[in-house]
Amino acid sequence: MPPMKLKQSPSPQTLATSQDARLLARETLRISASLASSPAPSAVASSPEARNLGIVDEQFVDASLRLICCEEINGRRWNYVVDNEGGNGQGRNGSLRAVCSQTPQAPVDELMSFIRSYVVPEGFPDSVTPSYVPYMSWRALKHFFGGAMGVFTTQTLLNSVGVSRNRSAPGAVAINWILKDGAGRVGKMLFARQGKKFDYDLKQLRLAGDLLMELGAGVELATAAVPHLFLPLACAANVAKNVAAVTSTSTRTPIYKAFAKGENIGDVTAKGECVGNIADLLGTGLSIMISKRNPSLVTTFALLSCGYVLSSYQEVKSVVLHTLNRARFSVAIDSFLKTGRVPSLEEGNMKENIFSFPWLEDKPIVLGSRFKDAFQDAGSYLSIEPLFEKERYLVTYNPSKGKVYALLKDQAKSDDILKAAFHAHMLLHFIVSSNGSESFPTKQQDYDSTHLMPSTADLAAHIAESCKMVSTSYGLFKSKAAEQGWTMSESLLNPGRARLVLTG
């Protein structure tokens, strides 16, 4: 009898593999057919059940897909669906998928969204103040001119030091360059001691720093005319530019802080620096193309410098600060004494004199002065001292110097300094008005002190009258200033360090 041939059964692994393949093919066909015949997920999401906290209880996309919830990110809506036939039929163990319910953005929109993520803070424009846009526009233009200028100054320095013509040994060239940079770092360290002045006169110092930057660039270009003086000229130019860099860095954060709404100063700072770098690169690229045509250095420097200085001026003027320094305080008190109203933040910042640099001594009011500067004799002090017995300051006028002096007592706080400055402006207003002048002087040369010399009796009367006016009007001034948005809790009036210590 011939042996029987038994049919061998497939191995367990082969059976499992074939079953998985058939299951995968059937599942693929089923999902494809169901997606082709099912309604759009966005329509499902718009049903009343889908809007109930984003969870759908009994709503199905089709026979096999169930909508779980909706999500919105960066202006796009996503629907999360799950396979309803997986596991126990409730979709709890099914595979989760995300389906975009909106059409993809156009390539141009995608590009603009990408650019905005680098140049504007998150949540723009609601995350910043309205003055942010004009400031960043002028800042970008300033950096554009600055980047263009940098190409010509660097080229001039290299020519002067002898690199391009191989007239100097490499070692001597390197030493000259290192000495130039070292001098700039020394200047940066020495100027950093100014400290608090960067807060007092922020705009004024920012503009002065930009002017100093252009002066340094001009000195660098001058090395082309006298290359044998490269080292002293390059060192002086680098000191000026490093001092300007300290000024720019020190005033940057308070400016960005004024633009930020909430706790997003880091985002505002990062985007602001990115805008500056982009503009700098564009200016550098354009300047490289222009330099290949060998333009006149004098003409090029004049055009770029005018653009840089104008942009810097407009950049500083566009900043709207909430605090009162001397320049903005003068604008506010002048308006209050003349019209009875305090200017708005935008008006006060726009009228601020940004050319009143802190190192100039031509101001008609001295805040925090020394006793010997304010009084000529003991009698002038003893005659007004009882008027300020309850105050933490004294205000007087020195006819020989033609200035109003506000002396601070050792207990004087921030509000006392502000009140002393208010009183000093009030006294100056009385003295000027008594001489028939309607203009409010802001500089020493705005009036002739010989015409503002009241007699001793008149001076005492003016001071007594000013004390009465201050007692009734200072509170009103503060309330109106607060209504306009001015920050009155701290003063940035840069008073002198002298304090009266009363004995007995």
Protein backbone atom coordinates (compact mmCIF):
# COMPACT_ATOMS: atom_id res chain seq x y z
CA MET A 1 0.00 0.00 0.00
CA PRO A 2 1.52 3.25 -1.00
CA PRO A 3 2.15 5.72 1.76
CA MET A 4 -0.54 8.33 2.31
CA LYS A 5 0.35 11.94 1.58
CA LEU A 6 -0.83 14.14 4.36
CA LYS A 7 -1.58 17.83 3.63
CA GLN A 8 0.62 19.86 5.90
CA SER A 9 -1.13 22.70 7.74
CA PRO A 10 0.48 26.16 7.52
CA SER A 11 2.63 27.19 10.41
CA PRO A 12 1.20 29.59 13.02
CA GLN A 13 3.53 32.40 11.85
CA THR A 14 2.40 32.07 8.21
CA LEU A 15 -1.24 32.06 9.22
CA ALA A 16 -0.83 35.16 11.37
CA THR A 17 0.99 36.98 8.62
CA SER A 18 -1.66 36.27 5.99
CA GLN A 19 -4.45 37.24 8.37
CA ASP A 20 -2.74 40.55 9.20
CA ALA A 21 -2.28 41.32 5.52
CA ARG A 22 -5.94 40.62 4.74
CA LEU A 23 -7.04 42.63 7.75
CA LEU A 24 -4.83 45.60 6.78
CA ALA A 25 -6.11 45.56 3.18
CA ARG A 26 -9.74 45.38 4.29
CA GLU A 27 -9.24 48.16 6.84
CA THR A 28 -7.57 50.41 4.28
CA LEU A 29 -10.40 49.95 1.77
CA ARG A 30 -13.02 50.54 4.44
CA ILE A 31 -11.45 53.76 5.75
CA SER A 32 -10.94 55.09 2.22
CA ALA A 33 -14.56 54.45 1.30
CA SER A 34 -15.90 55.89 4.52
CA LEU A 35 -13.82 59.07 4.19
CA ALA A 36 -15.00 59.54 0.62
CA SER A 37 -18.68 59.32 1.60
CA SER A 38 -18.60 61.04 5.00
CA PRO A 39 -19.44 64.76 5.60
CA ALA A 40 -16.68 67.24 6.27
CA PRO A 41 -15.34 67.17 9.83
CA SER A 42 -15.88 70.91 10.12
CA ALA A 43 -19.62 70.37 9.57
CA VAL A 44 -19.68 67.82 12.35
CA ALA A 45 -17.77 70.15 14.63
CA SER A 46 -20.33 72.88 14.03
CA SER A 47 -23.23 70.79 15.40
CA PRO A 48 -24.68 71.76 18.79
CA GLU A 49 -23.32 68.57 20.37
CA ALA A 50 -19.82 69.29 19.05
CA ARG A 51 -19.85 72.76 20.48
CA ASN A 52 -20.60 71.44 23.93
CA LEU A 53 -17.17 71.87 25.53
CA GLY A 54 -15.58 70.50 22.35
CA ILE A 55 -16.72 66.91 23.18
CA VAL A 56 -19.08 64.90 20.96
CA ASP A 57 -21.12 62.25 22.74
CA GLU A 58 -23.27 60.72 20.02
CA GLN A 59 -22.06 62.40 16.86
CA PHE A 60 -20.14 60.30 14.40
CA VAL A 61 -18.18 61.33 11.36
CA ASP A 62 -19.38 58.17 9.60
CA ALA A 63 -19.97 54.58 10.49
CA SER A 64 -16.40 54.09 11.69
CA LEU A 65 -14.97 57.51 12.76
CA ARG A 66 -15.96 59.48 15.83
CA LEU A 67 -15.16 63.15 16.50
CA ILE A 68 -13.51 63.57 19.91
CA CYS A 69 -12.69 67.27 20.15
CA CYS A 70 -11.53 70.34 18.24
CA GLU A 71 -8.39 72.37 18.67
CA GLU A 72 -7.29 75.78 17.38
CA ILE A 73 -3.64 76.82 17.07
CA ASN A 74 -2.13 79.73 15.18
CA GLY A 75 -5.50 80.53 13.60
CA ARG A 76 -6.04 77.00 12.23
CA ARG A 77 -8.65 74.50 13.50
CA TRP A 78 -7.92 70.80 13.90
CA ASN A 79 -10.44 67.99 14.51
CA TYR A 80 -9.37 64.87 16.40
CA VAL A 81 -11.16 61.70 15.26
CA VAL A 82 -10.90 58.10 16.44
CA ASP A 83 -11.69 54.73 14.87
CA ASN A 84 -15.07 53.77 16.33
CA GLU A 85 -14.77 50.04 15.60
CA GLY A 86 -11.57 49.50 17.51
CA GLY A 87 -11.65 47.74 20.83
CA ASN A 88 -15.09 47.59 22.42
CA GLY A 89 -16.88 49.59 19.74
CA GLN A 90 -16.77 52.86 21.67
CA GLY A 91 -13.56 54.05 20.07
CA ARG A 92 -11.67 54.05 23.36
CA ASN A 93 -8.80 51.96 22.04
CA GLY A 94 -8.91 53.13 18.42
CA SER A 95 -6.19 55.08 16.65
CA LEU A 96 -6.39 58.89 17.07
CA ARG A 97 -5.92 61.14 14.06
CA ALA A 98 -5.80 64.93 13.55
CA VAL A 99 -7.66 66.36 10.55
CA CYS A 100 -7.31 70.01 9.54
CA SER A 101 -10.75 71.53 8.97
CA GLN A 102 -9.42 74.52 6.99
CA THR A 103 -7.77 74.78 3.63
CA PRO A 104 -3.98 75.24 3.72
CA GLN A 105 -2.67 78.80 3.56
CA ALA A 106 -1.35 80.18 0.32
CA PRO A 107 2.46 80.19 -0.03
CA VAL A 108 2.52 83.99 0.24
CA ASP A 109 0.55 83.87 3.48
CA GLU A 110 2.83 81.17 4.83
CA LEU A 111 5.86 83.32 4.00
CA MET A 112 4.38 86.41 5.65
CA SER A 113 3.50 84.40 8.74
CA PHE A 114 7.08 83.12 8.88
CA ILE A 115 8.48 86.65 8.60
CA ARG A 116 6.12 88.00 11.26
CA SER A 117 7.31 85.35 13.68
CA TYR A 118 10.77 86.95 13.51
CA VAL A 119 10.01 90.68 13.44
CA VAL A 120 6.90 91.28 15.58
CA PRO A 121 6.15 90.11 19.13
CA GLU A 122 3.65 87.35 19.73
CA GLY A 123 0.12 88.71 19.92
CA PHE A 124 0.97 91.80 17.86
CA PRO A 125 -0.51 94.44 17.78
CA ASP A 126 -2.38 93.89 21.07
CA SER A 127 0.81 92.95 22.94
CA VAL A 128 2.58 96.30 22.40
CA THR A 129 1.75 100.00 22.60
CA PRO A 130 0.82 101.98 19.46
CA SER A 131 4.20 103.75 19.42
CA TYR A 132 5.99 100.45 18.77
CA VAL A 133 5.47 100.49 14.99
CA PRO A 134 6.87 103.99 14.27
CA TYR A 135 9.78 103.35 16.61
CA MET A 136 10.74 100.08 14.95
CA SER A 137 10.34 101.62 11.47
CA TRP A 138 12.78 104.43 12.25
CA ARG A 139 15.06 102.04 14.11
CA ALA A 140 15.25 99.76 11.06
CA LEU A 141 16.03 102.72 8.83
CA LYS A 142 18.75 103.90 11.21
CA HIS A 143 20.38 100.47 11.27
CA PHE A 144 20.17 100.34 7.48
CA PHE A 145 22.22 103.53 7.17
CA GLY A 146 24.53 102.37 9.95
CA GLY A 147 25.22 99.07 8.20
CA ALA A 148 25.92 100.86 4.94
CA MET A 149 28.30 103.25 6.69
CA GLY A 150 30.15 100.36 8.32
CA VAL A 151 31.32 99.02 4.95
CA PHE A 152 33.00 102.29 3.97
CA THR A 153 34.58 102.88 7.39
CA THR A 154 36.01 99.37 7.51
CA GLN A 155 37.36 99.66 3.99
CA THR A 156 38.95 103.00 4.82
CA LEU A 157 40.57 101.66 7.99
CA LEU A 158 42.05 98.70 6.15
CA ASN A 159 43.46 100.96 3.46
CA SER A 160 44.91 103.32 6.04
CA VAL A 161 46.53 100.62 8.12
CA GLY A 162 48.24 99.26 5.01
CA VAL A 163 46.57 95.90 4.55
CA SER A 164 45.32 96.45 1.02
CA ARG A 165 48.60 97.89 -0.24
CA ASN A 166 50.91 95.59 1.76
CA ARG A 167 52.92 98.52 3.01
CA SER A 168 53.06 97.33 6.61
CA ALA A 169 54.29 94.15 8.17
CA PRO A 170 51.49 91.84 9.31
CA GLY A 171 52.68 92.08 12.91
CA ALA A 172 52.55 95.88 12.96
CA VAL A 173 49.09 95.84 11.38
CA ALA A 174 47.80 93.44 14.03
CA ILE A 175 49.29 95.52 16.87
CA ASN A 176 47.71 98.73 15.56
CA TRP A 177 44.36 97.03 15.23
CA ILE A 178 44.52 95.56 18.74
CA LEU A 179 45.51 98.92 20.23
CA LYS A 180 42.57 100.53 18.47
CA ASP A 181 40.12 98.01 19.91
CA GLY A 182 41.72 98.21 23.35
CA ALA A 183 41.29 101.98 23.46
CA GLY A 184 37.62 101.55 22.62
CA ARG A 185 37.10 99.10 25.48
CA VAL A 186 38.76 101.48 27.94
CA GLY A 187 36.44 104.27 26.83
CA LYS A 188 33.45 101.99 27.26
CA MET A 189 34.42 101.17 30.84
CA LEU A 190 35.04 104.80 31.78
CA PHE A 191 31.70 105.98 30.41
CA ALA A 192 29.77 103.22 32.20
CA ARG A 193 30.12 105.17 35.47
CA GLN A 194 27.40 107.57 34.32
CA GLY A 195 24.96 104.96 35.61
CA LYS A 196 21.70 106.58 36.70
CA LYS A 197 21.87 109.30 34.04
CA PHE A 198 20.83 106.66 31.51
CA ASP A 199 17.50 106.52 33.36
CA TYR A 200 17.12 110.25 34.01
CA ASP A 201 17.69 111.53 30.48
CA LEU A 202 17.13 108.44 28.38
CA LYS A 203 16.16 110.07 25.09
CA GLN A 204 18.75 112.81 25.34
CA LEU A 205 21.59 110.36 25.93
CA ARG A 206 20.31 108.02 23.23
CA LEU A 207 20.44 110.81 20.66
CA ALA A 208 23.83 111.96 21.93
CA GLY A 209 25.13 108.41 21.56
CA ASP A 210 23.98 108.22 17.94
CA LEU A 211 25.61 111.57 17.18
CA LEU A 212 28.79 110.30 18.79
CA MET A 213 28.59 107.17 16.64
CA GLU A 214 28.54 109.30 13.50
CA LEU A 215 31.42 111.39 14.81
CA GLY A 216 33.44 108.21 15.26
CA ALA A 217 32.60 107.11 11.73
CA GLY A 218 33.75 110.49 10.41
CA VAL A 219 37.05 110.21 12.25
CA GLU A 220 37.56 106.73 10.82
CA LEU A 221 37.03 108.03 7.30
CA ALA A 222 39.51 110.83 8.03
CA THR A 223 42.28 108.23 8.32
CA ALA A 224 42.17 107.95 4.52
CA ALA A 225 43.50 111.51 4.26
CA VAL A 226 46.26 111.08 6.87
CA PRO A 227 47.13 107.37 7.00
CA HIS A 228 50.29 108.07 9.01
CA LEU A 229 47.99 109.14 11.89
CA PHE A 230 46.03 105.92 11.75
CA LEU A 231 46.64 104.83 15.34
CA PRO A 232 45.59 108.02 17.19
CA LEU A 233 42.63 108.68 14.90
CA ALA A 234 41.45 105.07 14.96
CA CYS A 235 41.75 104.96 18.76
CA ALA A 236 39.75 108.17 19.15
CA ALA A 237 37.09 106.92 16.75
CA ASN A 238 36.82 103.59 18.52
CA VAL A 239 36.48 105.29 21.91
CA ALA A 240 33.61 107.40 20.53
CA LYS A 241 31.87 104.41 18.97
CA ASN A 242 32.20 102.27 22.11
CA VAL A 243 30.81 105.05 24.28
CA ALA A 244 27.91 105.26 21.85
CA ALA A 245 27.47 101.49 22.12
CA VAL A 246 27.26 101.73 25.92
CA THR A 247 24.62 104.44 25.60
CA SER A 248 22.59 102.39 23.15
CA THR A 249 22.77 99.24 25.27
CA SER A 250 21.92 101.03 28.51
CA THR A 251 18.87 102.82 27.12
CA ARG A 252 17.53 99.89 25.12
CA THR A 253 15.77 98.02 27.92
CA PRO A 254 13.79 101.00 29.33
CA ILE A 255 12.58 101.81 25.81
CA TYR A 256 11.45 98.26 25.12
CA LYS A 257 9.83 98.18 28.56
CA ALA A 258 7.72 101.18 27.57
CA PHE A 259 6.38 99.24 24.55
CA ALA A 260 5.63 95.96 26.31
CA LYS A 261 2.14 95.20 27.58
CA GLY A 262 2.40 92.67 30.34
CA GLU A 263 5.33 90.35 30.89
CA ASN A 264 6.59 90.19 27.29
CA ILE A 265 9.60 92.48 27.45
CA GLY A 266 11.89 89.60 26.46
CA ASP A 267 9.86 88.94 23.33
CA VAL A 268 9.75 92.65 22.45
CA THR A 269 13.51 92.96 22.94
CA ALA A 270 14.31 89.90 20.85
CA LYS A 271 12.12 90.99 17.94
CA GLY A 272 13.46 94.53 18.09
CA GLU A 273 17.05 93.32 17.86
CA CYS A 274 16.12 91.01 14.99
CA VAL A 275 14.65 93.93 13.05
CA GLY A 276 17.84 95.92 13.63
CA ASN A 277 20.04 93.05 12.44
CA ILE A 278 17.98 92.48 9.31
CA ALA A 279 18.15 96.18 8.40
CA ASP A 280 21.89 96.21 9.13
CA LEU A 281 22.47 93.27 6.79
CA LEU A 282 20.43 94.91 4.03
CA GLY A 283 22.41 98.12 4.39
CA THR A 284 25.68 96.20 4.35
CA GLY A 285 24.72 94.33 1.18
CA LEU A 286 23.68 97.49 -0.63
CA SER A 287 26.82 99.30 0.47
CA ILE A 288 29.03 96.46 -0.82
CA MET A 289 27.47 96.81 -4.26
CA ILE A 290 27.88 100.59 -4.19
CA SER A 291 31.50 100.42 -3.00
CA LYS A 292 32.48 98.47 -6.11
CA ARG A 293 31.89 101.63 -8.15
CA ASN A 294 34.35 103.62 -5.97
CA PRO A 295 32.00 106.49 -5.04
CA SER A 296 33.20 109.68 -3.38
CA LEU A 297 33.73 109.07 0.34
CA VAL A 298 32.76 112.61 1.26
CA THR A 299 29.49 112.50 -0.67
CA THR A 300 28.64 109.02 0.53
CA PHE A 301 29.40 109.89 4.14
CA ALA A 302 27.30 113.06 3.95
CA LEU A 303 24.26 111.23 2.55
CA LEU A 304 24.46 108.27 4.89
CA SER A 305 25.12 110.46 7.92
CA CYS A 306 22.11 112.66 7.18
CA GLY A 307 19.92 109.58 6.86
CA TYR A 308 21.33 108.08 10.06
CA VAL A 309 20.93 111.23 12.17
CA LEU A 310 17.43 111.96 10.86
CA SER A 311 16.33 108.38 11.53
CA SER A 312 17.85 108.50 15.01
CA TYR A 313 16.05 111.75 15.83
CA GLN A 314 12.68 110.38 14.65
CA GLU A 315 13.33 107.10 16.46
CA VAL A 316 13.88 108.88 19.77
CA LYS A 317 10.94 111.24 19.26
CA SER A 318 8.59 108.31 18.64
CA VAL A 319 9.24 106.82 22.10
CA VAL A 320 6.39 107.47 24.54
CA LEU A 321 7.55 107.20 28.16
CA HIS A 322 5.24 107.36 31.18
CA THR A 323 7.71 108.84 33.64
CA LEU A 324 8.63 112.49 34.20
CA ASN A 325 12.21 113.59 33.74
CA ARG A 326 13.22 117.25 33.75
CA ALA A 327 12.36 117.88 30.11
CA ARG A 328 8.92 116.23 30.23
CA PHE A 329 8.21 117.75 33.63
CA SER A 330 8.90 121.22 32.24
CA VAL A 331 6.42 120.57 29.44
CA ALA A 332 3.78 119.33 31.89
CA ILE A 333 4.16 122.15 34.42
CA ASP A 334 4.30 124.82 31.69
CA SER A 335 1.01 123.58 30.25
CA PHE A 336 -0.56 123.33 33.71
CA LEU A 337 0.39 126.87 34.75
CA LYS A 338 -0.76 128.37 31.46
CA THR A 339 -3.90 126.37 30.65
CA GLY A 340 -4.75 124.44 33.81
CA ARG A 341 -4.40 121.09 32.04
CA VAL A 342 -1.68 118.46 31.93
CA PRO A 343 -0.67 117.24 28.45
CA SER A 344 -1.27 113.65 27.41
CA LEU A 345 1.54 111.13 27.22
CA GLU A 346 1.87 111.53 23.46
CA GLU A 347 1.76 115.33 23.62
CA GLY A 348 4.21 115.56 26.51
CA ASN A 349 6.72 113.24 24.84
CA MET A 350 6.34 114.99 21.50
CA LYS A 351 7.08 118.42 23.01
CA GLU A 352 10.02 117.14 25.06
CA ASN A 353 13.29 118.87 24.23
CA ILE A 354 15.66 115.99 23.50
CA PHE A 355 18.56 118.39 22.95
CA SER A 356 18.64 119.37 26.64
CA PHE A 357 21.64 117.18 27.43
CA PRO A 358 22.26 116.52 31.14
CA TRP A 359 25.80 117.93 31.14
CA LEU A 360 24.62 121.39 30.06
CA GLU A 361 24.48 123.90 32.92
CA ASP A 362 22.25 126.52 31.31
CA LYS A 363 19.02 125.56 33.06
CA PRO A 364 17.15 128.25 35.05
CA ILE A 365 16.22 125.80 37.83
CA VAL A 366 18.74 123.90 39.95
CA LEU A 367 17.26 120.95 41.87
CA GLY A 368 19.15 119.64 44.87
CA SER A 369 21.69 122.48 44.93
CA ARG A 370 24.22 123.33 47.61
CA PHE A 371 23.48 125.93 50.26
CA LYS A 372 26.32 128.22 49.23
CA ASP A 373 25.04 128.44 45.66
CA ALA A 374 21.48 129.27 46.64
CA PHE A 375 21.98 131.93 49.31
CA GLN A 376 24.19 135.01 49.27
CA ASP A 377 23.90 135.70 53.00
CA ALA A 378 22.33 134.28 56.13
CA GLY A 379 19.52 136.84 56.13
CA SER A 380 18.08 135.60 52.84
CA TYR A 381 17.90 132.10 54.29
CA LEU A 382 16.45 133.06 57.68
CA SER A 383 13.73 135.14 56.03
CA ILE A 384 12.22 132.20 54.11
CA GLU A 385 13.10 129.28 56.40
CA PRO A 386 9.83 129.52 58.43
CA LEU A 387 7.79 129.19 55.20
CA PHE A 388 9.20 125.69 54.61
CA GLU A 389 9.18 124.47 58.21
CA LYS A 390 6.70 121.69 57.41
CA GLU A 391 8.25 120.83 54.05
CA ARG A 392 11.23 118.68 53.25
CA TYR A 393 12.71 121.22 50.89
CA LEU A 394 13.35 124.95 50.43
CA VAL A 395 12.95 127.06 47.30
CA THR A 396 14.63 130.40 46.70
CA TYR A 397 15.90 132.69 43.96
CA ASN A 398 19.46 133.99 43.69
CA PRO A 399 19.39 137.35 41.89
CA SER A 400 23.13 137.39 41.27
CA LYS A 401 23.00 134.13 39.30
CA GLY A 402 19.49 134.51 37.90
CA LYS A 403 18.44 130.99 38.89
CA VAL A 404 15.82 129.37 41.10
CA TYR A 405 17.29 126.92 43.59
CA ALA A 406 15.48 124.03 45.26
CA LEU A 407 17.32 122.66 48.30
CA LEU A 408 16.36 119.22 49.59
CA LYS A 409 16.35 118.18 53.23
CA ASP A 410 17.79 114.86 54.29
CA GLN A 411 14.30 113.34 54.82
CA ALA A 412 13.20 114.16 51.27
CA LYS A 413 11.56 111.28 49.39
CA SER A 414 10.53 110.86 45.78
CA ASP A 415 7.29 112.84 46.17
CA ASP A 416 9.15 115.62 48.02
CA ILE A 417 11.59 115.95 45.12
CA LEU A 418 8.68 116.18 42.70
CA LYS A 419 6.96 118.79 44.86
CA ALA A 420 10.18 120.81 45.17
CA ALA A 421 10.55 120.86 41.39
CA PHE A 422 6.89 121.90 41.04
CA HIS A 423 7.42 124.71 43.57
CA ALA A 424 10.58 125.88 41.80
CA HIS A 425 8.74 126.14 38.48
CA MET A 426 5.89 127.97 40.23
CA LEU A 427 8.31 130.52 41.72
CA LEU A 428 10.04 131.04 38.38
CA HIS A 429 6.63 131.54 36.77
CA PHE A 430 5.79 134.28 39.29
CA ILE A 431 9.11 136.04 38.79
CA VAL A 432 8.84 135.92 35.00
CA SER A 433 5.20 137.04 35.06
CA SER A 434 6.02 139.97 37.34
CA ASN A 435 8.40 141.26 34.69
CA GLY A 436 5.77 141.19 31.97
CA SER A 437 7.08 138.11 30.14
CA GLU A 438 4.59 135.51 28.92
CA SER A 439 7.12 132.92 27.80
CA PHE A 440 8.26 130.23 30.17
CA PRO A 441 12.08 129.96 29.98
CA THR A 442 13.65 126.53 29.75
CA LYS A 443 17.23 127.66 29.24
CA GLN A 444 19.37 130.24 30.98
CA GLN A 445 19.88 132.21 27.76
CA ASP A 446 16.12 132.42 27.17
CA TYR A 447 16.00 135.48 29.42
CA ASP A 448 18.23 138.18 30.76
CA SER A 449 18.68 137.69 34.50
CA THR A 450 19.21 141.44 35.02
CA HIS A 451 15.55 142.00 34.16
CA LEU A 452 14.46 139.32 36.64
CA MET A 453 16.00 140.87 39.74
CA PRO A 454 13.19 141.47 42.22
CA SER A 455 13.87 143.38 45.38
CA THR A 456 14.27 141.58 48.66
CA ALA A 457 10.72 142.41 49.68
CA ASP A 458 9.31 141.40 46.31
CA LEU A 459 11.25 138.14 46.40
CA ALA A 460 9.89 137.29 49.83
CA ALA A 461 6.40 138.12 48.61
CA HIS A 462 6.83 135.93 45.53
CA ILE A 463 8.04 133.01 47.64
CA ALA A 464 5.18 133.40 50.13
CA GLU A 465 2.65 133.58 47.29
CA SER A 466 4.16 130.53 45.62
CA CYS A 467 3.84 128.58 48.87
CA LYS A 468 0.11 129.32 48.99
CA MET A 469 -0.34 128.34 45.34
CA VAL A 470 1.61 125.11 45.72
CA SER A 471 -0.42 124.06 48.75
CA THR A 472 -3.63 124.25 46.71
CA SER A 473 -2.47 123.29 43.21
CA TYR A 474 0.11 120.54 43.68
CA GLY A 475 -2.50 117.91 44.53
CA LEU A 476 -4.57 118.98 41.53
CA PHE A 477 -1.52 118.72 39.29
CA LYS A 478 -0.81 115.20 40.50
CA SER A 479 -4.39 114.04 39.98
CA LYS A 480 -4.56 115.48 36.46
CA ALA A 481 -1.20 113.97 35.60
CA ALA A 482 -2.37 110.57 36.83
CA GLU A 483 -5.52 110.86 34.71
CA GLN A 484 -3.34 111.36 31.63
CA GLY A 485 -1.32 108.23 32.44
CA TRP A 486 1.82 109.82 33.86
CA THR A 487 3.62 107.75 36.47
CA MET A 488 3.95 109.94 39.58
CA SER A 489 5.24 107.35 42.02
CA GLU A 490 8.86 107.98 41.17
CA SER A 491 10.66 111.00 39.85
CA LEU A 492 13.52 110.97 37.38
CA LEU A 493 14.39 114.62 37.83
CA ASN A 494 18.09 113.95 38.49
CA PRO A 495 18.46 116.07 41.64
CA GLY A 496 21.82 116.98 43.08
CA ARG A 497 23.29 114.97 45.93
CA ALA A 498 23.40 117.78 48.48
CA ARG A 499 20.94 117.49 51.39
CA LEU A 500 20.25 119.90 54.22
CA VAL A 501 20.73 118.40 57.66
CA LEU A 502 18.89 120.64 60.11
CA THR A 503 20.25 120.79 63.65
CA GLY A 504 18.53 121.77 66.86
